[in-house]
């Protein structure tokens, strides 16, 4: 999503575009990677050295509430964020190195309709994450597959 669309989304909600928010938006607009808050903070500080970690956390949660980013759970305890794309996407997450691969082919529409009918829920969305090991980690000797080897 281009930075102008991200800025417009904040404006449409009547939210101020602070220096910290602008730096975070620039980081998100410049990457398609799934990033930890610490990495967003590191990159945002390269844009504006005064960006605080707490501001980045608040901005990322705000963007998640606005559905501009989504949570991706890596290693069952580390939360990464990813920009929401135009298409519907899900994730494969490597338990070895933390690699996140997004995929969009989702066959859940029929199940979603059936669940909605049966439970009387109005289902507004879903997320799916599969956890396992990427090819690279499967091919590495066991001693080299420590978590966090690959940077996101």
C-alpha atoms as a PDB file:
ATOM      1  CA  UNK A   1       0.000   0.000   0.000  1.00  0.00           C
ATOM      2  CA  UNK A   2       1.511   3.346  -0.987  1.00  0.00           C
ATOM      3  CA  UNK A   3       2.246   5.829   1.784  1.00  0.00           C
ATOM      4  CA  UNK A   4      -0.403   8.242   0.495  1.00  0.00           C
ATOM      5  CA  UNK A   5      -3.104   5.616   1.075  1.00  0.00           C
ATOM      6  CA  UNK A   6      -1.789   4.941   4.576  1.00  0.00           C
ATOM      7  CA  UNK A   7      -1.789   8.672   5.326  1.00  0.00           C
ATOM      8  CA  UNK A   8      -5.282   9.048   3.915  1.00  0.00           C
ATOM      9  CA  UNK A   9      -6.568   6.194   6.089  1.00  0.00           C
ATOM     10  CA  UNK A  10      -5.371   8.032   9.212  1.00  0.00           C
ATOM     11  CA  UNK A  11      -6.825  11.306   7.964  1.00  0.00           C
ATOM     12  CA  UNK A  12     -10.181   9.638   7.225  1.00  0.00           C
ATOM     13  CA  UNK A  13     -10.347   8.511  10.856  1.00  0.00           C
ATOM     14  CA  UNK A  14      -9.614  12.041  12.083  1.00  0.00           C
ATOM     15  CA  UNK A  15      -6.223  10.974  13.430  1.00  0.00           C
ATOM     16  CA  UNK A  16      -3.153  13.191  13.508  1.00  0.00           C
ATOM     17  CA  UNK A  17      -0.149  12.308  11.414  1.00  0.00           C
ATOM     18  CA  UNK A  18       2.583  12.731  14.029  1.00  0.00           C
ATOM     19  CA  UNK A  19       6.281  12.504  13.216  1.00  0.00           C
ATOM     20  CA  UNK A  20       6.432   9.028  14.751  1.00  0.00           C
ATOM     21  CA  UNK A  21       3.396   7.809  12.815  1.00  0.00           C
ATOM     22  CA  UNK A  22       4.814   9.226   9.604  1.00  0.00           C
ATOM     23  CA  UNK A  23       8.134   7.414  10.153  1.00  0.00           C
ATOM     24  CA  UNK A  24       6.293   4.126  10.824  1.00  0.00           C
ATOM     25  CA  UNK A  25       4.165   4.607   7.698  1.00  0.00           C
ATOM     26  CA  UNK A  26       7.308   5.224   5.648  1.00  0.00           C
ATOM     27  CA  UNK A  27       8.846   2.002   6.978  1.00  0.00           C
ATOM     28  CA  UNK A  28       5.715   0.015   6.121  1.00  0.00           C
ATOM     29  CA  UNK A  29       5.384   1.566   2.675  1.00  0.00           C
ATOM     30  CA  UNK A  30       8.997   0.673   1.870  1.00  0.00           C
ATOM     31  CA  UNK A  31       8.827  -3.047   2.639  1.00  0.00           C
ATOM     32  CA  UNK A  32       6.754  -6.111   2.004  1.00  0.00           C
ATOM     33  CA  UNK A  33       8.472  -7.992   4.833  1.00  0.00           C
ATOM     34  CA  UNK A  34       6.764  -9.157   8.014  1.00  0.00           C
ATOM     35  CA  UNK A  35       8.451  -7.123  10.746  1.00  0.00           C
ATOM     36  CA  UNK A  36       8.745  -7.250  14.523  1.00  0.00           C
ATOM     37  CA  UNK A  37       8.004  -3.979  16.295  1.00  0.00           C
ATOM     38  CA  UNK A  38      11.689  -3.737  17.213  1.00  0.00           C
ATOM     39  CA  UNK A  39      12.625  -3.837  13.523  1.00  0.00           C
ATOM     40  CA  UNK A  40       9.979  -1.231  12.628  1.00  0.00           C
ATOM     41  CA  UNK A  41      11.412   0.912  15.432  1.00  0.00           C
ATOM     42  CA  UNK A  42      14.996   0.471  14.203  1.00  0.00           C
ATOM     43  CA  UNK A  43      14.029   1.460  10.668  1.00  0.00           C
ATOM     44  CA  UNK A  44      11.814   4.352  11.837  1.00  0.00           C
ATOM     45  CA  UNK A  45      14.718   5.760  13.895  1.00  0.00           C
ATOM     46  CA  UNK A  46      16.788   5.876  10.708  1.00  0.00           C
ATOM     47  CA  UNK A  47      14.110   8.179   9.300  1.00  0.00           C
ATOM     48  CA  UNK A  48      13.568  10.212  12.480  1.00  0.00           C
ATOM     49  CA  UNK A  49      15.954   9.627  15.376  1.00  0.00           C
ATOM     50  CA  UNK A  50      13.378  10.766  17.943  1.00  0.00           C
ATOM     51  CA  UNK A  51      10.899   7.936  17.324  1.00  0.00           C
ATOM     52  CA  UNK A  52      10.290   6.065  20.570  1.00  0.00           C
ATOM     53  CA  UNK A  53       9.580   2.362  20.923  1.00  0.00           C
ATOM     54  CA  UNK A  54       6.316   3.004  22.789  1.00  0.00           C
ATOM     55  CA  UNK A  55       5.115   5.212  19.932  1.00  0.00           C
ATOM     56  CA  UNK A  56       5.873   2.456  17.445  1.00  0.00           C
ATOM     57  CA  UNK A  57       3.926  -0.085  19.522  1.00  0.00           C
ATOM     58  CA  UNK A  58       0.943   2.274  19.777  1.00  0.00           C
ATOM     59  CA  UNK A  59       1.079   3.076  16.063  1.00  0.00           C
ATOM     60  CA  UNK A  60       1.231  -0.585  15.055  1.00  0.00           C
ATOM     61  CA  UNK A  61      -1.754  -1.431  17.267  1.00  0.00           C
ATOM     62  CA  UNK A  62      -3.640   1.537  15.825  1.00  0.00           C
ATOM     63  CA  UNK A  63      -2.869   0.393  12.284  1.00  0.00           C
ATOM     64  CA  UNK A  64      -4.019  -3.120  13.199  1.00  0.00           C
ATOM     65  CA  UNK A  65      -7.338  -1.740  14.503  1.00  0.00           C
ATOM     66  CA  UNK A  66      -7.706   0.205  11.238  1.00  0.00           C
ATOM     67  CA  UNK A  67      -6.984  -3.044   9.348  1.00  0.00           C
ATOM     68  CA  UNK A  68      -3.959  -1.555   7.608  1.00  0.00           C
ATOM     69  CA  UNK A  69      -1.618  -4.140   9.131  1.00  0.00           C
ATOM     70  CA  UNK A  70      -2.246  -7.585  10.548  1.00  0.00           C
ATOM     71  CA  UNK A  71      -0.631  -9.642  13.265  1.00  0.00           C
ATOM     72  CA  UNK A  72       1.445 -12.625  12.252  1.00  0.00           C
ATOM     73  CA  UNK A  73       2.496 -14.904  15.097  1.00  0.00           C
ATOM     74  CA  UNK A  74       6.001 -16.243  14.649  1.00  0.00           C
ATOM     75  CA  UNK A  75       7.604 -18.787  16.958  1.00  0.00           C
ATOM     76  CA  UNK A  76       4.324 -18.951  18.918  1.00  0.00           C
ATOM     77  CA  UNK A  77       5.315 -15.958  21.009  1.00  0.00           C
ATOM     78  CA  UNK A  78       6.774 -13.212  18.809  1.00  0.00           C
ATOM     79  CA  UNK A  79       4.296 -10.997  17.060  1.00  0.00           C
ATOM     80  CA  UNK A  80       5.217  -9.663  13.664  1.00  0.00           C
ATOM     81  CA  UNK A  81       3.167  -7.252  11.607  1.00  0.00           C
ATOM     82  CA  UNK A  82       2.473  -7.298   7.899  1.00  0.00           C
ATOM     83  CA  UNK A  83       0.754  -4.756   5.700  1.00  0.00           C
ATOM     84  CA  UNK A  84      -2.620  -5.900   4.509  1.00  0.00           C
ATOM     85  CA  UNK A  85      -2.530  -6.480   0.796  1.00  0.00           C
ATOM     86  CA  UNK A  86      -5.328  -6.100  -1.699  1.00  0.00           C
ATOM     87  CA  UNK A  87      -5.794  -9.877  -1.749  1.00  0.00           C
ATOM     88  CA  UNK A  88      -6.782 -12.202   1.053  1.00  0.00           C
ATOM     89  CA  UNK A  89      -3.699 -13.849   2.559  1.00  0.00           C
ATOM     90  CA  UNK A  90      -2.591 -16.460   5.051  1.00  0.00           C
ATOM     91  CA  UNK A  91       0.827 -17.528   6.333  1.00  0.00           C
ATOM     92  CA  UNK A  92       3.282 -20.373   6.503  1.00  0.00           C
ATOM     93  CA  UNK A  93       5.640 -19.791   9.445  1.00  0.00           C
ATOM     94  CA  UNK A  94       8.940 -21.637   9.863  1.00  0.00           C
ATOM     95  CA  UNK A  95       9.530 -22.724  13.462  1.00  0.00           C
ATOM     96  CA  UNK A  96      13.250 -22.978  12.713  1.00  0.00           C
ATOM     97  CA  UNK A  97      14.210 -19.576  11.345  1.00  0.00           C
ATOM     98  CA  UNK A  98      11.030 -17.497  11.544  1.00  0.00           C
ATOM     99  CA  UNK A  99      10.540 -17.179   7.785  1.00  0.00           C
ATOM    100  CA  UNK A 100       6.987 -16.111   6.936  1.00  0.00           C
ATOM    101  CA  UNK A 101       5.534 -16.951   3.523  1.00  0.00           C
ATOM    102  CA  UNK A 102       2.202 -15.448   2.563  1.00  0.00           C
ATOM    103  CA  UNK A 103      -0.209 -17.367   0.363  1.00  0.00           C
ATOM    104  CA  UNK A 104      -3.621 -16.372  -0.940  1.00  0.00           C
ATOM    105  CA  UNK A 105      -5.323 -19.542  -2.143  1.00  0.00           C
ATOM    106  CA  UNK A 106      -7.974 -20.076   0.492  1.00  0.00           C
ATOM    107  CA  UNK A 107     -10.600 -22.771   0.236  1.00  0.00           C
ATOM    108  CA  UNK A 108     -12.576 -21.788   3.338  1.00  0.00           C
ATOM    109  CA  UNK A 109     -15.491 -19.953   1.743  1.00  0.00           C
ATOM    110  CA  UNK A 110     -17.877 -22.915   1.873  1.00  0.00           C
ATOM    111  CA  UNK A 111     -16.899 -23.742   5.464  1.00  0.00           C
ATOM    112  CA  UNK A 112     -17.316 -20.084   6.442  1.00  0.00           C
ATOM    113  CA  UNK A 113     -20.850 -19.949   5.024  1.00  0.00           C
ATOM    114  CA  UNK A 114     -21.787 -23.227   6.738  1.00  0.00           C
ATOM    115  CA  UNK A 115     -20.414 -22.046  10.090  1.00  0.00           C
ATOM    116  CA  UNK A 116     -22.255 -18.735   9.785  1.00  0.00           C
ATOM    117  CA  UNK A 117     -25.540 -20.526   9.077  1.00  0.00           C
ATOM    118  CA  UNK A 118     -25.080 -23.049  11.867  1.00  0.00           C
ATOM    119  CA  UNK A 119     -23.882 -20.630  14.561  1.00  0.00           C
ATOM    120  CA  UNK A 120     -25.838 -17.523  13.465  1.00  0.00           C
ATOM    121  CA  UNK A 121     -22.525 -15.603  13.478  1.00  0.00           C
ATOM    122  CA  UNK A 122     -21.866 -12.864  10.990  1.00  0.00           C
ATOM    123  CA  UNK A 123     -18.312 -13.904  10.129  1.00  0.00           C
ATOM    124  CA  UNK A 124     -16.296 -10.859   9.136  1.00  0.00           C
ATOM    125  CA  UNK A 125     -12.969 -12.498   8.447  1.00  0.00           C
ATOM    126  CA  UNK A 126     -10.506 -15.178   9.404  1.00  0.00           C
ATOM    127  CA  UNK A 127      -6.809 -15.834   9.520  1.00  0.00           C
ATOM    128  CA  UNK A 128      -4.866 -19.002   9.006  1.00  0.00           C
ATOM    129  CA  UNK A 129      -1.272 -19.721   9.936  1.00  0.00           C
ATOM    130  CA  UNK A 130       0.534 -22.993   9.400  1.00  0.00           C
ATOM    131  CA  UNK A 131       3.654 -23.741  11.430  1.00  0.00           C
ATOM    132  CA  UNK A 132       6.439 -26.072  10.354  1.00  0.00           C
ATOM    133  CA  UNK A 133       9.910 -25.975   8.855  1.00  0.00           C
ATOM    134  CA  UNK A 134      11.026 -24.425   5.595  1.00  0.00           C
ATOM    135  CA  UNK A 135      13.173 -26.411   3.176  1.00  0.00           C
ATOM    136  CA  UNK A 136      16.341 -24.625   4.277  1.00  0.00           C
ATOM    137  CA  UNK A 137      15.821 -25.534   7.960  1.00  0.00           C
ATOM    138  CA  UNK A 138      14.886 -29.127   7.139  1.00  0.00           C
ATOM    139  CA  UNK A 139      18.128 -29.519   5.185  1.00  0.00           C
ATOM    140  CA  UNK A 140      20.357 -27.979   7.901  1.00  0.00           C
ATOM    141  CA  UNK A 141      22.001 -30.158  10.534  1.00  0.00           C
ATOM    142  CA  UNK A 142      19.922 -30.121  13.751  1.00  0.00           C
ATOM    143  CA  UNK A 143      22.457 -27.962  15.652  1.00  0.00           C
ATOM    144  CA  UNK A 144      22.128 -25.112  13.102  1.00  0.00           C
ATOM    145  CA  UNK A 145      18.340 -24.735  13.119  1.00  0.00           C
ATOM    146  CA  UNK A 146      18.166 -22.431  16.143  1.00  0.00           C
ATOM    147  CA  UNK A 147      15.286 -19.974  16.067  1.00  0.00           C
ATOM    148  CA  UNK A 148      15.916 -16.530  14.749  1.00  0.00           C
ATOM    149  CA  UNK A 149      18.760 -17.366  12.344  1.00  0.00           C
ATOM    150  CA  UNK A 150      17.006 -15.619   9.451  1.00  0.00           C
ATOM    151  CA  UNK A 151      16.291 -11.895   9.680  1.00  0.00           C
ATOM    152  CA  UNK A 152      12.786 -10.688   8.816  1.00  0.00           C
END
